[in-house]
Every structure is written in C-alpha cells, then in structure tokens.
Amino acid sequence: MATLHEWIEGARPRTLPAALAPVLLGTACAYAVDAGHLGRAALALVVALALQVGVNYANDYSDGIRGTDENRTGPVRLVGQGLAPAAHVKRAAFASFGVAALAGLLLVALCGAWWLLLVGAVSVVAAWFYTGGRRPYGYLGLGEIFVFVFFGLVATLGTTYTQADTTTLASWAAATGVGLLSCAILMVNNVRDIPTDGPAGKRTLAVRLGERRARLTYVGMLVAAFVACAVAAVQHPGALVGLLVAPLAVRPCKDMLGGATGRGLIPALGATGKLTLAYAVAVAVGIGVVVFPTMS
C-alpha cells in the first residue's frame, strides 16, 4: 500500500507550477484592466491544480496498466512500481477531476459565462484521453498540443475572462508564453523517457523527433516564450520584466543540450518548473498586478 509521501510524489508536484503560472498571469491581466477578482482567481487556481493532479494520476494509471512505466526512471509511478492498486489510482484521478469540476461550476456561476462549462467538460475529457482509452493521443505525439491549449490558452485566458469578461493582447501573449513553458516541462519528461516510450509504443513528440531534435525543440520553446513576453510588452511595457528571469533557463538548457539522460534530467525538469513560475511572477508584476488586491 502506498504511503502518503508516495501518493504526493505520484501527483508529481514538480509539474504544479504549470497550473499556478497561467492563473497568476490571467489574474494579472484582469487587474490590468481594473477587473480583477481575487475570489474568482482562487477558484480558477483550484480548477487548474486539481486538473493537473488529475492528469498526473490518470497518466500513472493508464501508463501503468499498459506496462509503459515498468522500467522508467524519474518520479514515483504508483501503478507501474506496484505501490498502489490501479483501481485506487484511477479513483484518485477522477476525484481530482471532480474537485476541478465543482470549483469550475462555482466559478462559472459567479461570472455567468455558462458556455465555459463546455470548455471545462472538454478539458476533463482531454485530460483522461491523453493516455487513457484505446487510442490515447499522448501516444501519437499530440501531448504538447493538449498542454499548450489547456494549460496555456484555456487556463490563462479563462482566468482573465472569468474576472474581466474579456481578453486582451497581453493575456493572449502571456497564455502563449506560459503554454510554451508548460510544453517544455513535458518535453524534458518525454526526452528522459525516450528509451522506454519507444519500445512500449508510446510515440511522443520527443520519440518522433528523435533525441537531438527534441532537445533543440525544448530550447526553442524557451526562446519563443520570451518572445511572447516581448509581445505582451506592446500593451504593457512592464511585461519586459519577464526577461530578467532568462538566466534561469541557462542550467536546464545546458542539461538538455549537454546530453543528460535518465535521472540526470530530473534537475532540468525541476528547473523548468521553477522557470515557469518565475516567468509568470515576473511578467505579472511587470503587467502591474497589485500584490495585495482587495476583494471585489
């Protein structure tokens, strides 16, 4: 039976900055047009975090029952390592999705944009079929598209819209930047798993590109994220503050381009998560978010 620590590790906490960052940026963009709402931001954060944890448990379950996780290095695999029954991990995934759905329903009720319920439903379905079902699209090299759309565009723009009832150029640029950084987190993970994913039939983008091109693509994602930061500066020049965190990209880029493999890529995974969060904080501050906004 898995311990509490193993369940926490199974939730893959290193990936959680990918859930926090878009909500922070989306809220900053809402406050920039004098429409921020801290309570709705908190609900959006619950949705994002619960969906991220749900995706992680769902991946653990689906990869585990397929045997994809049997010989992997890196984070704890609850099913693949025999730490928890597959049925329990599946329940944990759906419980997380349920929390996301309840928080999302409350958020939609508060903002009145009921069409967002459809977006939320699609998000949950997409999260499950990433590695679940008969033909999971994560096994076809489409995982980065899911991450960019749902943990970049949907999470950021949805956060802004539920507070401001609109989106802005800065919110689109921020959504693009954080979406690319979230994809970079996934790319590190998938480059690490190339030796086991290929033989298991999991044709991730990293497997399809090949190791060298996948590593270069990772660097390209980071560069493009900082270009998006410059685009946000067209509307809010202060967004250029985001460029100050660029040095945090140096170490993980060295690890990726230097050929680190297996457990040697775990530091790059953590560093990319920290970069994502630092990027979001810096751009949000630059856009002009108030540190302690009043509830509206």
C-alpha atoms as a PDB file:
ATOM      1  CA  MET A   1       0.000   0.000   0.000  1.00  0.00           C
ATOM      2  CA  ALA A   2       1.404   3.385  -0.991  1.00  0.00           C
ATOM      3  CA  THR A   3       2.361   5.799   1.766  1.00  0.00           C
ATOM      4  CA  LEU A   4       1.106   9.378   1.907  1.00  0.00           C
ATOM      5  CA  HIS A   5       4.526  10.546   0.707  1.00  0.00           C
ATOM      6  CA  GLU A   6       4.315   8.208  -2.301  1.00  0.00           C
ATOM      7  CA  TRP A   7       0.824   9.465  -3.144  1.00  0.00           C
ATOM      8  CA  ILE A   8       2.130  13.031  -3.022  1.00  0.00           C
ATOM      9  CA  GLU A   9       5.073  12.109  -5.231  1.00  0.00           C
ATOM     10  CA  GLY A  10       2.670  10.297  -7.551  1.00  0.00           C
ATOM     11  CA  ALA A  11       0.836  13.597  -8.011  1.00  0.00           C
ATOM     12  CA  ARG A  12       4.147  14.904  -9.455  1.00  0.00           C
ATOM     13  CA  PRO A  13       4.455  18.190  -7.563  1.00  0.00           C
ATOM     14  CA  ARG A  14       7.238  19.375  -9.899  1.00  0.00           C
ATOM     15  CA  THR A  15       4.571  19.862 -12.580  1.00  0.00           C
ATOM     16  CA  LEU A  16       2.288  22.038 -10.423  1.00  0.00           C
ATOM     17  CA  PRO A  17       3.917  25.356 -11.446  1.00  0.00           C
ATOM     18  CA  ALA A  18       2.350  24.676 -14.847  1.00  0.00           C
ATOM     19  CA  ALA A  19      -1.064  25.024 -13.136  1.00  0.00           C
ATOM     20  CA  LEU A  20      -0.240  28.004 -10.930  1.00  0.00           C
ATOM     21  CA  ALA A  21       1.525  30.113 -13.573  1.00  0.00           C
ATOM     22  CA  PRO A  22      -1.384  30.641 -16.019  1.00  0.00           C
ATOM     23  CA  VAL A  23      -3.775  31.607 -13.219  1.00  0.00           C
ATOM     24  CA  LEU A  24      -1.301  34.150 -11.908  1.00  0.00           C
ATOM     25  CA  LEU A  25      -0.815  35.653 -15.367  1.00  0.00           C
ATOM     26  CA  GLY A  26      -4.511  35.615 -16.218  1.00  0.00           C
ATOM     27  CA  THR A  27      -5.330  37.379 -12.950  1.00  0.00           C
ATOM     28  CA  ALA A  28      -2.639  39.999 -13.562  1.00  0.00           C
ATOM     29  CA  CYS A  29      -4.142  40.733 -16.977  1.00  0.00           C
ATOM     30  CA  ALA A  30      -7.583  41.096 -15.391  1.00  0.00           C
ATOM     31  CA  TYR A  31      -6.304  43.544 -12.774  1.00  0.00           C
ATOM     32  CA  ALA A  32      -4.523  45.480 -15.506  1.00  0.00           C
ATOM     33  CA  VAL A  33      -7.944  46.413 -16.902  1.00  0.00           C
ATOM     34  CA  ASP A  34      -9.357  47.126 -13.420  1.00  0.00           C
ATOM     35  CA  ALA A  35     -11.462  43.986 -13.381  1.00  0.00           C
ATOM     36  CA  GLY A  36      -9.552  41.589 -11.142  1.00  0.00           C
ATOM     37  CA  HIS A  37     -11.353  39.460  -8.577  1.00  0.00           C
ATOM     38  CA  LEU A  38      -9.273  37.567  -6.027  1.00  0.00           C
ATOM     39  CA  GLY A  39     -12.048  35.145  -5.103  1.00  0.00           C
ATOM     40  CA  ARG A  40     -12.551  34.056  -8.709  1.00  0.00           C
ATOM     41  CA  ALA A  41      -8.806  33.801  -9.123  1.00  0.00           C
ATOM     42  CA  ALA A  42      -8.707  31.403  -6.169  1.00  0.00           C
ATOM     43  CA  LEU A  43     -11.396  29.223  -7.770  1.00  0.00           C
ATOM     44  CA  ALA A  44      -9.523  29.230 -11.069  1.00  0.00           C
ATOM     45  CA  LEU A  45      -6.428  28.089  -9.196  1.00  0.00           C
ATOM     46  CA  VAL A  46      -8.323  25.195  -7.608  1.00  0.00           C
ATOM     47  CA  VAL A  47      -9.553  24.163 -11.062  1.00  0.00           C
ATOM     48  CA  ALA A  48      -6.054  24.302 -12.559  1.00  0.00           C
ATOM     49  CA  LEU A  49      -4.316  22.482  -9.708  1.00  0.00           C
ATOM     50  CA  ALA A  50      -6.976  19.767  -9.454  1.00  0.00           C
ATOM     51  CA  LEU A  51      -6.918  19.225 -13.214  1.00  0.00           C
ATOM     52  CA  GLN A  52      -3.115  18.958 -13.194  1.00  0.00           C
ATOM     53  CA  VAL A  53      -3.136  16.437 -10.359  1.00  0.00           C
ATOM     54  CA  GLY A  54      -5.923  14.531 -12.105  1.00  0.00           C
ATOM     55  CA  VAL A  55      -3.922  14.369 -15.326  1.00  0.00           C
ATOM     56  CA  ASN A  56      -0.892  13.090 -13.435  1.00  0.00           C
ATOM     57  CA  TYR A  57      -2.808  10.338 -11.667  1.00  0.00           C
ATOM     58  CA  ALA A  58      -4.633   9.446 -14.890  1.00  0.00           C
ATOM     59  CA  ASN A  59      -1.309   9.124 -16.710  1.00  0.00           C
ATOM     60  CA  ASP A  60       0.064   6.988 -13.873  1.00  0.00           C
ATOM     61  CA  TYR A  61      -2.965   4.699 -14.118  1.00  0.00           C
ATOM     62  CA  SER A  62      -3.111   4.407 -17.914  1.00  0.00           C
ATOM     63  CA  ASP A  63       0.629   4.029 -18.457  1.00  0.00           C
ATOM     64  CA  GLY A  64       0.804   1.612 -15.550  1.00  0.00           C
ATOM     65  CA  ILE A  65      -1.833  -0.809 -16.827  1.00  0.00           C
ATOM     66  CA  ARG A  66      -0.234  -0.725 -20.296  1.00  0.00           C
ATOM     67  CA  GLY A  67       3.170  -1.592 -18.880  1.00  0.00           C
ATOM     68  CA  THR A  68       4.735   1.617 -20.167  1.00  0.00           C
ATOM     69  CA  ASP A  69       6.042   2.531 -16.695  1.00  0.00           C
ATOM     70  CA  GLU A  70       7.675  -0.776 -15.799  1.00  0.00           C
ATOM     71  CA  ASN A  71      11.287   0.272 -16.432  1.00  0.00           C
ATOM     72  CA  ARG A  72      11.169   4.061 -16.151  1.00  0.00           C
ATOM     73  CA  THR A  73      13.381   6.344 -14.137  1.00  0.00           C
ATOM     74  CA  GLY A  74      12.232   9.574 -12.535  1.00  0.00           C
ATOM     75  CA  PRO A  75       9.143  10.311 -10.413  1.00  0.00           C
ATOM     76  CA  VAL A  76       7.213   7.697  -8.457  1.00  0.00           C
ATOM     77  CA  ARG A  77       4.881   5.567 -10.570  1.00  0.00           C
ATOM     78  CA  LEU A  78       2.193   4.243  -8.264  1.00  0.00           C
ATOM     79  CA  VAL A  79       0.838   1.586 -10.617  1.00  0.00           C
ATOM     80  CA  GLY A  80       3.995   0.803 -12.573  1.00  0.00           C
ATOM     81  CA  GLN A  81       6.013   0.227  -9.390  1.00  0.00           C
ATOM     82  CA  GLY A  82       3.240  -1.747  -7.723  1.00  0.00           C
ATOM     83  CA  LEU A  83       2.862   0.787  -4.927  1.00  0.00           C
ATOM     84  CA  ALA A  84      -0.914   1.152  -5.226  1.00  0.00           C
ATOM     85  CA  PRO A  85      -3.703  -0.824  -6.928  1.00  0.00           C
ATOM     86  CA  ALA A  86      -4.575   0.548 -10.359  1.00  0.00           C
ATOM     87  CA  ALA A  87      -8.213   0.985  -9.310  1.00  0.00           C
ATOM     88  CA  HIS A  88      -7.191   3.251  -6.419  1.00  0.00           C
ATOM     89  CA  VAL A  89      -5.090   5.466  -8.679  1.00  0.00           C
ATOM     90  CA  LYS A  90      -7.965   5.676 -11.151  1.00  0.00           C
ATOM     91  CA  ARG A  91     -10.287   6.788  -8.339  1.00  0.00           C
ATOM     92  CA  ALA A  92      -7.759   9.418  -7.282  1.00  0.00           C
ATOM     93  CA  ALA A  93      -7.691  10.752 -10.843  1.00  0.00           C
ATOM     94  CA  PHE A  94     -11.470  11.030 -11.054  1.00  0.00           C
ATOM     95  CA  ALA A  95     -11.692  12.513  -7.569  1.00  0.00           C
ATOM     96  CA  SER A  96      -9.299  15.231  -8.702  1.00  0.00           C
ATOM     97  CA  PHE A  97     -11.352  15.821 -11.828  1.00  0.00           C
ATOM     98  CA  GLY A  98     -14.428  16.051  -9.623  1.00  0.00           C
ATOM     99  CA  VAL A  99     -12.848  18.762  -7.482  1.00  0.00           C
ATOM    100  CA  ALA A 100     -11.918  20.654 -10.658  1.00  0.00           C
ATOM    101  CA  ALA A 101     -15.482  20.298 -11.967  1.00  0.00           C
ATOM    102  CA  LEU A 102     -17.096  21.561  -8.742  1.00  0.00           C
ATOM    103  CA  ALA A 103     -14.771  24.569  -8.480  1.00  0.00           C
ATOM    104  CA  GLY A 104     -15.309  25.279 -12.166  1.00  0.00           C
ATOM    105  CA  LEU A 105     -19.082  25.135 -11.788  1.00  0.00           C
ATOM    106  CA  LEU A 106     -18.960  27.639  -8.943  1.00  0.00           C
ATOM    107  CA  LEU A 107     -16.650  29.905 -10.931  1.00  0.00           C
ATOM    108  CA  VAL A 108     -18.946  29.827 -13.944  1.00  0.00           C
ATOM    109  CA  ALA A 109     -21.983  30.525 -11.753  1.00  0.00           C
ATOM    110  CA  LEU A 110     -20.253  33.591 -10.335  1.00  0.00           C
ATOM    111  CA  CYS A 111     -19.174  35.039 -13.679  1.00  0.00           C
ATOM    112  CA  GLY A 112     -22.275  33.976 -15.628  1.00  0.00           C
ATOM    113  CA  ALA A 113     -20.357  32.649 -18.651  1.00  0.00           C
ATOM    114  CA  TRP A 114     -22.189  29.325 -18.802  1.00  0.00           C
ATOM    115  CA  TRP A 115     -20.627  28.376 -22.131  1.00  0.00           C
ATOM    116  CA  LEU A 116     -17.406  27.816 -20.184  1.00  0.00           C
ATOM    117  CA  LEU A 117     -18.972  24.636 -18.780  1.00  0.00           C
ATOM    118  CA  LEU A 118     -18.441  23.092 -22.213  1.00  0.00           C
ATOM    119  CA  VAL A 119     -14.801  24.197 -22.166  1.00  0.00           C
ATOM    120  CA  GLY A 120     -14.408  22.612 -18.736  1.00  0.00           C
ATOM    121  CA  ALA A 121     -16.000  19.355 -19.861  1.00  0.00           C
ATOM    122  CA  VAL A 122     -13.716  19.194 -22.899  1.00  0.00           C
ATOM    123  CA  SER A 123     -10.731  19.848 -20.625  1.00  0.00           C
ATOM    124  CA  VAL A 124     -11.566  16.869 -18.408  1.00  0.00           C
ATOM    125  CA  VAL A 125     -12.218  14.574 -21.374  1.00  0.00           C
ATOM    126  CA  ALA A 126      -8.961  15.654 -22.986  1.00  0.00           C
ATOM    127  CA  ALA A 127      -7.119  15.079 -19.712  1.00  0.00           C
ATOM    128  CA  TRP A 128      -8.362  11.489 -19.476  1.00  0.00           C
ATOM    129  CA  PHE A 129      -7.767  10.514 -23.094  1.00  0.00           C
ATOM    130  CA  TYR A 130      -4.249  11.958 -23.076  1.00  0.00           C
ATOM    131  CA  THR A 131      -3.031   8.498 -22.086  1.00  0.00           C
ATOM    132  CA  GLY A 132      -6.383   6.768 -21.476  1.00  0.00           C
ATOM    133  CA  GLY A 133      -8.740   4.919 -23.783  1.00  0.00           C
ATOM    134  CA  ARG A 134      -7.973   2.676 -26.741  1.00  0.00           C
ATOM    135  CA  ARG A 135      -6.142   5.290 -28.794  1.00  0.00           C
ATOM    136  CA  PRO A 136      -4.619   7.838 -26.396  1.00  0.00           C
ATOM    137  CA  TYR A 137      -3.454  10.877 -28.303  1.00  0.00           C
ATOM    138  CA  GLY A 138      -0.462  11.267 -25.984  1.00  0.00           C
ATOM    139  CA  TYR A 139       0.879   8.094 -27.608  1.00  0.00           C
ATOM    140  CA  LEU A 140       0.593   9.747 -31.025  1.00  0.00           C
ATOM    141  CA  GLY A 141       2.833  12.723 -30.306  1.00  0.00           C
ATOM    142  CA  LEU A 142      -0.002  15.162 -29.605  1.00  0.00           C
ATOM    143  CA  GLY A 143       0.625  15.701 -25.903  1.00  0.00           C
ATOM    144  CA  GLU A 144       2.233  19.091 -26.384  1.00  0.00           C
ATOM    145  CA  ILE A 145      -0.858  20.328 -28.200  1.00  0.00           C
ATOM    146  CA  PHE A 146      -3.008  19.350 -25.192  1.00  0.00           C
ATOM    147  CA  VAL A 147      -0.645  21.082 -22.776  1.00  0.00           C
ATOM    148  CA  PHE A 148      -0.376  24.252 -24.867  1.00  0.00           C
ATOM    149  CA  VAL A 149      -4.121  24.547 -25.381  1.00  0.00           C
ATOM    150  CA  PHE A 150      -5.357  23.664 -21.898  1.00  0.00           C
ATOM    151  CA  PHE A 151      -2.501  24.704 -19.595  1.00  0.00           C
ATOM    152  CA  GLY A 152      -1.628  27.707 -21.724  1.00  0.00           C
ATOM    153  CA  LEU A 153      -4.515  29.231 -23.648  1.00  0.00           C
ATOM    154  CA  VAL A 154      -7.537  27.894 -21.758  1.00  0.00           C
ATOM    155  CA  ALA A 155      -6.100  28.322 -18.246  1.00  0.00           C
ATOM    156  CA  THR A 156      -4.739  31.832 -18.797  1.00  0.00           C
ATOM    157  CA  LEU A 157      -7.472  33.272 -20.987  1.00  0.00           C
ATOM    158  CA  GLY A 158     -10.174  31.540 -18.942  1.00  0.00           C
ATOM    159  CA  THR A 159      -8.811  33.103 -15.768  1.00  0.00           C
ATOM    160  CA  THR A 160      -8.825  36.562 -17.345  1.00  0.00           C
ATOM    161  CA  TYR A 161     -12.271  36.140 -18.894  1.00  0.00           C
ATOM    162  CA  THR A 162     -13.979  34.921 -15.715  1.00  0.00           C
ATOM    163  CA  GLN A 163     -12.823  38.101 -13.975  1.00  0.00           C
ATOM    164  CA  ALA A 164     -12.840  40.738 -16.711  1.00  0.00           C
ATOM    165  CA  ASP A 165     -15.429  39.340 -19.142  1.00  0.00           C
ATOM    166  CA  THR A 166     -12.895  39.938 -21.922  1.00  0.00           C
ATOM    167  CA  THR A 167      -9.375  39.043 -23.045  1.00  0.00           C
ATOM    168  CA  THR A 168      -6.516  41.316 -24.075  1.00  0.00           C
ATOM    169  CA  LEU A 169      -3.423  41.210 -26.263  1.00  0.00           C
ATOM    170  CA  ALA A 170      -1.325  40.833 -23.132  1.00  0.00           C
ATOM    171  CA  SER A 171      -3.409  37.879 -21.932  1.00  0.00           C
ATOM    172  CA  TRP A 172      -3.024  36.107 -25.297  1.00  0.00           C
ATOM    173  CA  ALA A 173       0.730  36.718 -25.283  1.00  0.00           C
ATOM    174  CA  ALA A 174       1.033  35.570 -21.665  1.00  0.00           C
ATOM    175  CA  ALA A 175      -1.038  32.478 -22.449  1.00  0.00           C
ATOM    176  CA  THR A 176       1.266  31.654 -25.346  1.00  0.00           C
ATOM    177  CA  GLY A 177       4.400  32.135 -23.255  1.00  0.00           C
ATOM    178  CA  VAL A 178       3.285  30.041 -20.302  1.00  0.00           C
ATOM    179  CA  GLY A 179       1.848  27.404 -22.652  1.00  0.00           C
ATOM    180  CA  LEU A 180       5.252  27.032 -24.320  1.00  0.00           C
ATOM    181  CA  LEU A 181       6.982  26.731 -20.963  1.00  0.00           C
ATOM    182  CA  SER A 182       4.496  24.067 -19.884  1.00  0.00           C
ATOM    183  CA  CYS A 183       5.247  22.216 -23.113  1.00  0.00           C
ATOM    184  CA  ALA A 184       8.939  22.491 -22.243  1.00  0.00           C
ATOM    185  CA  ILE A 185       8.261  20.747 -18.922  1.00  0.00           C
ATOM    186  CA  LEU A 186       6.598  17.921 -20.827  1.00  0.00           C
ATOM    187  CA  MET A 187       9.449  17.796 -23.341  1.00  0.00           C
ATOM    188  CA  VAL A 188      12.059  17.262 -20.606  1.00  0.00           C
ATOM    189  CA  ASN A 189       9.918  14.464 -19.205  1.00  0.00           C
ATOM    190  CA  ASN A 190       9.494  12.837 -22.608  1.00  0.00           C
ATOM    191  CA  VAL A 191      13.161  13.146 -23.607  1.00  0.00           C
ATOM    192  CA  ARG A 192      14.048  11.358 -20.376  1.00  0.00           C
ATOM    193  CA  ASP A 193      11.575   8.587 -21.249  1.00  0.00           C
ATOM    194  CA  ILE A 194      12.580   8.084 -24.904  1.00  0.00           C
ATOM    195  CA  PRO A 195      14.401   4.789 -24.160  1.00  0.00           C
ATOM    196  CA  THR A 196      11.259   3.242 -22.638  1.00  0.00           C
ATOM    197  CA  ASP A 197       8.494   5.059 -24.532  1.00  0.00           C
ATOM    198  CA  GLY A 198       9.645   3.973 -27.993  1.00  0.00           C
ATOM    199  CA  PRO A 199       9.728   0.226 -27.292  1.00  0.00           C
ATOM    200  CA  ALA A 200       6.403   0.490 -25.426  1.00  0.00           C
ATOM    201  CA  GLY A 201       4.728   2.039 -28.477  1.00  0.00           C
ATOM    202  CA  LYS A 202       4.341   5.480 -26.910  1.00  0.00           C
ATOM    203  CA  ARG A 203       5.206   7.763 -29.828  1.00  0.00           C
ATOM    204  CA  THR A 204       5.549  11.065 -28.005  1.00  0.00           C
ATOM    205  CA  LEU A 205       6.740  14.134 -29.868  1.00  0.00           C
ATOM    206  CA  ALA A 206      10.205  13.529 -28.409  1.00  0.00           C
ATOM    207  CA  VAL A 207      10.219   9.982 -29.806  1.00  0.00           C
ATOM    208  CA  ARG A 208       9.004  11.184 -33.203  1.00  0.00           C
ATOM    209  CA  LEU A 209      11.548  13.995 -33.415  1.00  0.00           C
ATOM    210  CA  GLY A 210      14.441  11.933 -32.159  1.00  0.00           C
ATOM    211  CA  GLU A 211      16.529  12.809 -29.137  1.00  0.00           C
ATOM    212  CA  ARG A 212      18.712  15.557 -30.649  1.00  0.00           C
ATOM    213  CA  ARG A 213      15.883  17.460 -32.329  1.00  0.00           C
ATOM    214  CA  ALA A 214      13.677  17.080 -29.245  1.00  0.00           C
ATOM    215  CA  ARG A 215      16.374  18.701 -27.116  1.00  0.00           C
ATOM    216  CA  LEU A 216      16.692  21.575 -29.591  1.00  0.00           C
ATOM    217  CA  THR A 217      12.909  21.940 -29.648  1.00  0.00           C
ATOM    218  CA  TYR A 218      12.991  22.358 -25.873  1.00  0.00           C
ATOM    219  CA  VAL A 219      15.398  25.279 -26.197  1.00  0.00           C
ATOM    220  CA  GLY A 220      13.234  26.747 -28.964  1.00  0.00           C
ATOM    221  CA  MET A 221      10.195  26.639 -26.674  1.00  0.00           C
ATOM    222  CA  LEU A 222      12.020  28.648 -24.019  1.00  0.00           C
ATOM    223  CA  VAL A 223      13.203  31.233 -26.542  1.00  0.00           C
ATOM    224  CA  ALA A 224       9.703  31.579 -28.004  1.00  0.00           C
ATOM    225  CA  ALA A 225       8.256  32.083 -24.507  1.00  0.00           C
ATOM    226  CA  PHE A 226      10.485  35.118 -24.001  1.00  0.00           C
ATOM    227  CA  VAL A 227       9.474  36.435 -27.425  1.00  0.00           C
ATOM    228  CA  ALA A 228       5.846  36.175 -26.223  1.00  0.00           C
ATOM    229  CA  CYS A 229       6.873  38.218 -23.197  1.00  0.00           C
ATOM    230  CA  ALA A 230       8.033  40.957 -25.572  1.00  0.00           C
ATOM    231  CA  VAL A 231       4.686  40.803 -27.408  1.00  0.00           C
ATOM    232  CA  ALA A 232       2.849  41.354 -24.102  1.00  0.00           C
ATOM    233  CA  ALA A 233       5.028  44.444 -23.657  1.00  0.00           C
ATOM    234  CA  VAL A 234       3.322  46.026 -26.685  1.00  0.00           C
ATOM    235  CA  GLN A 235       0.295  46.591 -24.428  1.00  0.00           C
ATOM    236  CA  HIS A 236       2.082  46.673 -21.078  1.00  0.00           C
ATOM    237  CA  PRO A 237       5.777  47.649 -21.443  1.00  0.00           C
ATOM    238  CA  GLY A 238       6.432  46.451 -17.917  1.00  0.00           C
ATOM    239  CA  ALA A 239       5.996  42.868 -19.128  1.00  0.00           C
ATOM    240  CA  LEU A 240       9.620  43.073 -20.246  1.00  0.00           C
ATOM    241  CA  VAL A 241      10.457  42.437 -16.591  1.00  0.00           C
ATOM    242  CA  GLY A 242       9.924  38.805 -17.561  1.00  0.00           C
ATOM    243  CA  LEU A 243      13.212  38.883 -19.442  1.00  0.00           C
ATOM    244  CA  LEU A 244      15.018  39.211 -16.109  1.00  0.00           C
ATOM    245  CA  VAL A 245      14.356  35.530 -15.351  1.00  0.00           C
ATOM    246  CA  ALA A 246      16.026  34.379 -18.581  1.00  0.00           C
ATOM    247  CA  PRO A 247      19.212  33.351 -16.700  1.00  0.00           C
ATOM    248  CA  LEU A 248      17.152  30.630 -15.004  1.00  0.00           C
ATOM    249  CA  ALA A 249      16.921  28.946 -18.419  1.00  0.00           C
ATOM    250  CA  VAL A 250      20.676  28.524 -18.734  1.00  0.00           C
ATOM    251  CA  ARG A 251      21.134  25.484 -16.479  1.00  0.00           C
ATOM    252  CA  PRO A 252      18.285  23.334 -17.858  1.00  0.00           C
ATOM    253  CA  CYS A 253      19.337  24.225 -21.413  1.00  0.00           C
ATOM    254  CA  LYS A 254      22.867  23.076 -20.616  1.00  0.00           C
ATOM    255  CA  ASP A 255      21.499  19.817 -19.221  1.00  0.00           C
ATOM    256  CA  MET A 256      19.335  19.242 -22.284  1.00  0.00           C
ATOM    257  CA  LEU A 257      21.947  20.208 -24.872  1.00  0.00           C
ATOM    258  CA  GLY A 258      24.718  18.511 -22.906  1.00  0.00           C
ATOM    259  CA  GLY A 259      23.105  15.106 -23.304  1.00  0.00           C
ATOM    260  CA  ALA A 260      21.951  14.414 -19.741  1.00  0.00           C
ATOM    261  CA  THR A 261      19.798  11.292 -19.611  1.00  0.00           C
ATOM    262  CA  GLY A 262      17.652   9.340 -17.177  1.00  0.00           C
ATOM    263  CA  ARG A 263      17.798  10.624 -13.633  1.00  0.00           C
ATOM    264  CA  GLY A 264      20.285  13.220 -14.838  1.00  0.00           C
ATOM    265  CA  LEU A 265      17.345  15.092 -16.383  1.00  0.00           C
ATOM    266  CA  ILE A 266      15.361  15.334 -13.158  1.00  0.00           C
ATOM    267  CA  PRO A 267      17.126  18.607 -12.181  1.00  0.00           C
ATOM    268  CA  ALA A 268      16.231  20.018 -15.617  1.00  0.00           C
ATOM    269  CA  LEU A 269      12.600  19.091 -15.026  1.00  0.00           C
ATOM    270  CA  GLY A 270      12.556  20.872 -11.680  1.00  0.00           C
ATOM    271  CA  ALA A 271      14.442  23.868 -13.063  1.00  0.00           C
ATOM    272  CA  THR A 272      11.972  24.224 -15.933  1.00  0.00           C
ATOM    273  CA  GLY A 273       9.090  24.207 -13.470  1.00  0.00           C
ATOM    274  CA  LYS A 274      10.790  26.909 -11.402  1.00  0.00           C
ATOM    275  CA  LEU A 275      11.460  28.920 -14.564  1.00  0.00           C
ATOM    276  CA  THR A 276       7.775  28.688 -15.498  1.00  0.00           C
ATOM    277  CA  LEU A 277       6.675  30.013 -12.117  1.00  0.00           C
ATOM    278  CA  ALA A 278       9.366  32.738 -12.039  1.00  0.00           C
ATOM    279  CA  TYR A 279       8.374  33.817 -15.555  1.00  0.00           C
ATOM    280  CA  ALA A 280       4.735  34.100 -14.510  1.00  0.00           C
ATOM    281  CA  VAL A 281       5.559  36.098 -11.383  1.00  0.00           C
ATOM    282  CA  ALA A 282       7.880  38.460 -13.250  1.00  0.00           C
ATOM    283  CA  VAL A 283       5.513  39.094 -16.157  1.00  0.00           C
ATOM    284  CA  ALA A 284       2.555  39.500 -13.789  1.00  0.00           C
ATOM    285  CA  VAL A 285       4.435  42.079 -11.720  1.00  0.00           C
ATOM    286  CA  GLY A 286       5.501  43.835 -14.904  1.00  0.00           C
ATOM    287  CA  ILE A 287       1.958  43.993 -16.190  1.00  0.00           C
ATOM    288  CA  GLY A 288       1.061  45.758 -12.982  1.00  0.00           C
ATOM    289  CA  VAL A 289      -0.661  43.265 -10.701  1.00  0.00           C
ATOM    290  CA  VAL A 290      -1.255  44.625  -7.195  1.00  0.00           C
ATOM    291  CA  VAL A 291       0.438  42.395  -4.649  1.00  0.00           C
ATOM    292  CA  PHE A 292      -2.398  42.545  -2.114  1.00  0.00           C
ATOM    293  CA  PRO A 293      -5.515  43.404  -4.158  1.00  0.00           C
ATOM    294  CA  THR A 294      -8.769  43.917  -2.336  1.00  0.00           C
ATOM    295  CA  MET A 295     -11.614  41.530  -2.888  1.00  0.00           C
ATOM    296  CA  SER A 296     -14.113  42.904  -5.410  1.00  0.00           C
END
